[in-house]
N, C-alpha and C. Protein backbone atom coordinates (compact mmCIF):
# COMPACT_ATOMS: atom_id res chain seq x y z
N MET A 1 0.85 -1.16 0.00
CA MET A 1 0.00 0.00 0.00
C MET A 1 0.90 1.23 0.00
N SER A 2 0.56 2.20 -0.80
CA SER A 2 1.35 3.42 -0.88
C SER A 2 0.46 4.61 -0.64
N PHE A 3 0.98 5.58 0.07
CA PHE A 3 0.22 6.78 0.37
C PHE A 3 0.81 7.94 -0.42
N ALA A 4 0.00 8.55 -1.26
CA ALA A 4 0.45 9.69 -2.06
C ALA A 4 -0.19 10.94 -1.47
N GLY A 5 0.51 11.58 -0.58
CA GLY A 5 -0.02 12.80 0.02
C GLY A 5 -0.19 12.63 1.51
N PRO A 6 -0.88 13.58 2.12
CA PRO A 6 -1.04 13.56 3.57
C PRO A 6 -1.86 12.35 4.03
N THR A 7 -1.58 11.91 5.23
CA THR A 7 -2.34 10.81 5.81
C THR A 7 -3.09 11.33 7.02
N ALA A 8 -4.14 10.63 7.39
CA ALA A 8 -4.95 11.03 8.54
C ALA A 8 -4.63 10.13 9.72
N GLN A 9 -4.67 10.70 10.89
CA GLN A 9 -4.53 9.91 12.10
C GLN A 9 -5.93 9.72 12.68
N VAL A 10 -6.25 8.45 12.97
CA VAL A 10 -7.59 8.12 13.43
C VAL A 10 -7.48 7.37 14.74
N GLY A 11 -8.26 7.79 15.72
CA GLY A 11 -8.32 7.06 16.98
C GLY A 11 -9.44 6.04 16.89
N ALA A 12 -9.14 4.78 17.19
CA ALA A 12 -10.17 3.75 17.09
C ALA A 12 -9.83 2.58 18.00
N TRP A 13 -10.85 1.85 18.39
CA TRP A 13 -10.69 0.60 19.13
C TRP A 13 -10.91 -0.54 18.16
N VAL A 14 -10.06 -1.54 18.21
CA VAL A 14 -10.20 -2.71 17.36
C VAL A 14 -9.99 -3.94 18.22
N VAL A 15 -10.86 -4.91 18.08
CA VAL A 15 -10.69 -6.19 18.75
C VAL A 15 -10.44 -7.24 17.68
N VAL A 16 -9.31 -7.93 17.80
CA VAL A 16 -8.97 -8.98 16.85
C VAL A 16 -9.23 -10.31 17.55
N GLU A 17 -10.19 -11.05 17.04
CA GLU A 17 -10.60 -12.31 17.66
C GLU A 17 -9.58 -13.41 17.38
N THR A 18 -9.52 -14.38 18.26
CA THR A 18 -8.69 -15.56 18.07
C THR A 18 -9.07 -16.23 16.76
N GLY A 19 -8.08 -16.62 15.99
CA GLY A 19 -8.31 -17.28 14.72
C GLY A 19 -8.34 -16.34 13.52
N THR A 20 -8.24 -15.03 13.77
CA THR A 20 -8.23 -14.07 12.67
C THR A 20 -6.94 -14.22 11.87
N LYS A 21 -7.06 -14.35 10.56
CA LYS A 21 -5.89 -14.47 9.70
C LYS A 21 -5.22 -13.10 9.58
N ILE A 22 -3.89 -13.08 9.76
CA ILE A 22 -3.11 -11.85 9.65
C ILE A 22 -2.02 -12.06 8.63
N GLU A 23 -1.95 -11.16 7.67
CA GLU A 23 -0.88 -11.19 6.67
C GLU A 23 -0.15 -9.86 6.73
N PHE A 24 1.03 -9.80 6.11
CA PHE A 24 1.76 -8.53 6.09
C PHE A 24 2.47 -8.34 4.77
N GLU A 25 2.77 -7.11 4.50
CA GLU A 25 3.55 -6.74 3.32
C GLU A 25 4.51 -5.63 3.73
N ALA A 26 5.80 -5.89 3.56
CA ALA A 26 6.82 -4.89 3.89
C ALA A 26 6.99 -3.92 2.72
N ASN A 27 7.11 -2.65 3.05
CA ASN A 27 7.34 -1.62 2.04
C ASN A 27 8.72 -1.04 2.31
N GLU A 28 9.71 -1.51 1.56
CA GLU A 28 11.09 -1.09 1.79
C GLU A 28 11.28 0.40 1.54
N LEU A 29 10.62 0.93 0.53
CA LEU A 29 10.77 2.33 0.17
C LEU A 29 10.33 3.26 1.30
N GLU A 30 9.19 2.94 1.90
CA GLU A 30 8.66 3.78 2.98
C GLU A 30 9.08 3.29 4.36
N GLU A 31 9.85 2.19 4.41
CA GLU A 31 10.28 1.59 5.67
C GLU A 31 9.10 1.39 6.61
N SER A 32 8.09 0.71 6.09
CA SER A 32 6.90 0.42 6.88
C SER A 32 6.41 -0.99 6.56
N VAL A 33 5.51 -1.47 7.41
CA VAL A 33 4.90 -2.77 7.20
C VAL A 33 3.40 -2.60 7.29
N GLU A 34 2.69 -3.16 6.32
CA GLU A 34 1.23 -3.14 6.32
C GLU A 34 0.74 -4.51 6.78
N PHE A 35 0.01 -4.52 7.89
CA PHE A 35 -0.59 -5.75 8.40
C PHE A 35 -2.05 -5.76 7.98
N LYS A 36 -2.48 -6.89 7.39
CA LYS A 36 -3.85 -7.03 6.91
C LYS A 36 -4.55 -8.06 7.77
N PHE A 37 -5.64 -7.66 8.39
CA PHE A 37 -6.41 -8.52 9.28
C PHE A 37 -7.70 -8.93 8.57
N ASP A 38 -7.90 -10.23 8.41
CA ASP A 38 -9.09 -10.75 7.76
C ASP A 38 -10.19 -10.89 8.82
N ALA A 39 -10.66 -9.76 9.30
CA ALA A 39 -11.66 -9.72 10.35
C ALA A 39 -13.00 -9.28 9.74
N LYS A 40 -13.99 -9.09 10.57
CA LYS A 40 -15.29 -8.60 10.11
C LYS A 40 -15.58 -7.30 10.81
N PRO A 41 -15.41 -6.16 10.16
CA PRO A 41 -14.92 -5.98 8.80
C PRO A 41 -13.39 -6.07 8.77
N PRO A 42 -12.83 -6.38 7.60
CA PRO A 42 -11.36 -6.43 7.48
C PRO A 42 -10.76 -5.05 7.67
N PHE A 43 -9.52 -5.01 8.13
CA PHE A 43 -8.84 -3.72 8.27
C PHE A 43 -7.35 -3.90 8.08
N GLU A 44 -6.68 -2.77 7.89
CA GLU A 44 -5.23 -2.76 7.69
C GLU A 44 -4.60 -1.83 8.71
N LEU A 45 -3.38 -2.17 9.10
CA LEU A 45 -2.62 -1.38 10.05
C LEU A 45 -1.24 -1.19 9.47
N VAL A 46 -0.83 0.06 9.26
CA VAL A 46 0.48 0.36 8.70
C VAL A 46 1.36 0.90 9.82
N LEU A 47 2.51 0.24 10.02
CA LEU A 47 3.44 0.64 11.09
C LEU A 47 4.79 0.98 10.49
N SER A 48 5.42 2.00 11.03
CA SER A 48 6.78 2.33 10.63
C SER A 48 7.73 1.26 11.16
N ARG A 49 8.92 1.23 10.62
CA ARG A 49 9.93 0.28 11.07
C ARG A 49 10.16 0.43 12.58
N GLU A 50 10.26 1.66 13.05
CA GLU A 50 10.50 1.91 14.48
C GLU A 50 9.36 1.39 15.34
N THR A 51 8.12 1.54 14.85
CA THR A 51 6.97 1.07 15.60
C THR A 51 6.92 -0.45 15.64
N VAL A 52 7.28 -1.10 14.54
CA VAL A 52 7.36 -2.57 14.54
C VAL A 52 8.39 -3.02 15.57
N GLN A 53 9.54 -2.35 15.63
CA GLN A 53 10.56 -2.71 16.61
C GLN A 53 10.06 -2.52 18.03
N GLN A 54 9.32 -1.44 18.26
CA GLN A 54 8.76 -1.20 19.59
C GLN A 54 7.77 -2.31 19.96
N CYS A 55 6.96 -2.74 19.00
CA CYS A 55 6.03 -3.84 19.26
C CYS A 55 6.78 -5.13 19.59
N LEU A 56 7.86 -5.39 18.85
CA LEU A 56 8.66 -6.59 19.13
C LEU A 56 9.23 -6.56 20.54
N ASN A 57 9.54 -5.39 21.04
CA ASN A 57 10.07 -5.25 22.39
C ASN A 57 8.98 -5.39 23.45
N LEU A 58 7.78 -4.87 23.15
CA LEU A 58 6.71 -4.84 24.15
C LEU A 58 5.83 -6.09 24.16
N PHE A 59 5.59 -6.70 23.01
CA PHE A 59 4.67 -7.83 22.96
C PHE A 59 5.08 -8.99 23.84
N PRO A 60 6.36 -9.37 23.90
CA PRO A 60 6.73 -10.46 24.82
C PRO A 60 6.43 -10.12 26.28
N GLN A 61 6.62 -8.86 26.65
CA GLN A 61 6.30 -8.44 28.02
C GLN A 61 4.80 -8.53 28.28
N ALA A 62 4.00 -8.11 27.31
CA ALA A 62 2.55 -8.18 27.46
C ALA A 62 2.09 -9.63 27.57
N LEU A 63 2.66 -10.51 26.75
CA LEU A 63 2.31 -11.92 26.80
C LEU A 63 2.70 -12.53 28.14
N ALA A 64 3.86 -12.16 28.64
CA ALA A 64 4.31 -12.67 29.95
C ALA A 64 3.36 -12.24 31.06
N GLN A 65 2.86 -11.01 31.00
CA GLN A 65 1.90 -10.55 32.01
C GLN A 65 0.60 -11.31 31.91
N LEU A 66 0.13 -11.57 30.69
CA LEU A 66 -1.09 -12.37 30.53
C LEU A 66 -0.91 -13.77 31.09
N GLU A 67 0.23 -14.38 30.81
CA GLU A 67 0.50 -15.73 31.30
C GLU A 67 0.61 -15.74 32.81
N ALA A 68 1.23 -14.72 33.39
CA ALA A 68 1.35 -14.64 34.84
C ALA A 68 -0.02 -14.47 35.48
N ALA A 69 -0.87 -13.66 34.87
CA ALA A 69 -2.21 -13.47 35.40
C ALA A 69 -3.01 -14.76 35.30
N ARG A 70 -2.87 -15.49 34.21
CA ARG A 70 -3.56 -16.76 34.03
C ARG A 70 -3.11 -17.75 35.11
N SER A 71 -1.81 -17.82 35.35
CA SER A 71 -1.27 -18.74 36.35
C SER A 71 -1.77 -18.37 37.75
N GLY A 72 -1.83 -17.08 38.01
CA GLY A 72 -2.30 -16.63 39.32
C GLY A 72 -3.76 -16.92 39.56
N GLN A 73 -4.59 -16.88 38.52
CA GLN A 73 -6.01 -17.12 38.66
C GLN A 73 -6.32 -18.60 38.84
N SER A 74 -5.52 -19.45 38.19
CA SER A 74 -5.81 -20.88 38.26
C SER A 74 -5.21 -21.54 39.50
N ALA A 75 -4.36 -20.81 40.22
CA ALA A 75 -3.71 -21.40 41.39
C ALA A 75 -4.59 -21.32 42.62
């Protein structure tokens, strides 16, 4: 996906259900990645290289907190 001109920033809540197919396409020229979610309705999320790196750093921490909470509830 390529953006020719100004882009809009939109605030929104999105819930991605378990089993949703996710694909991506890297854009080397713009140093971004477009993630495509086959949800109802489908949507796309475009992240800069820096934002993808930030997600890679934060997602394992978020997953660890979820797992810790799950372990604490079942104990």
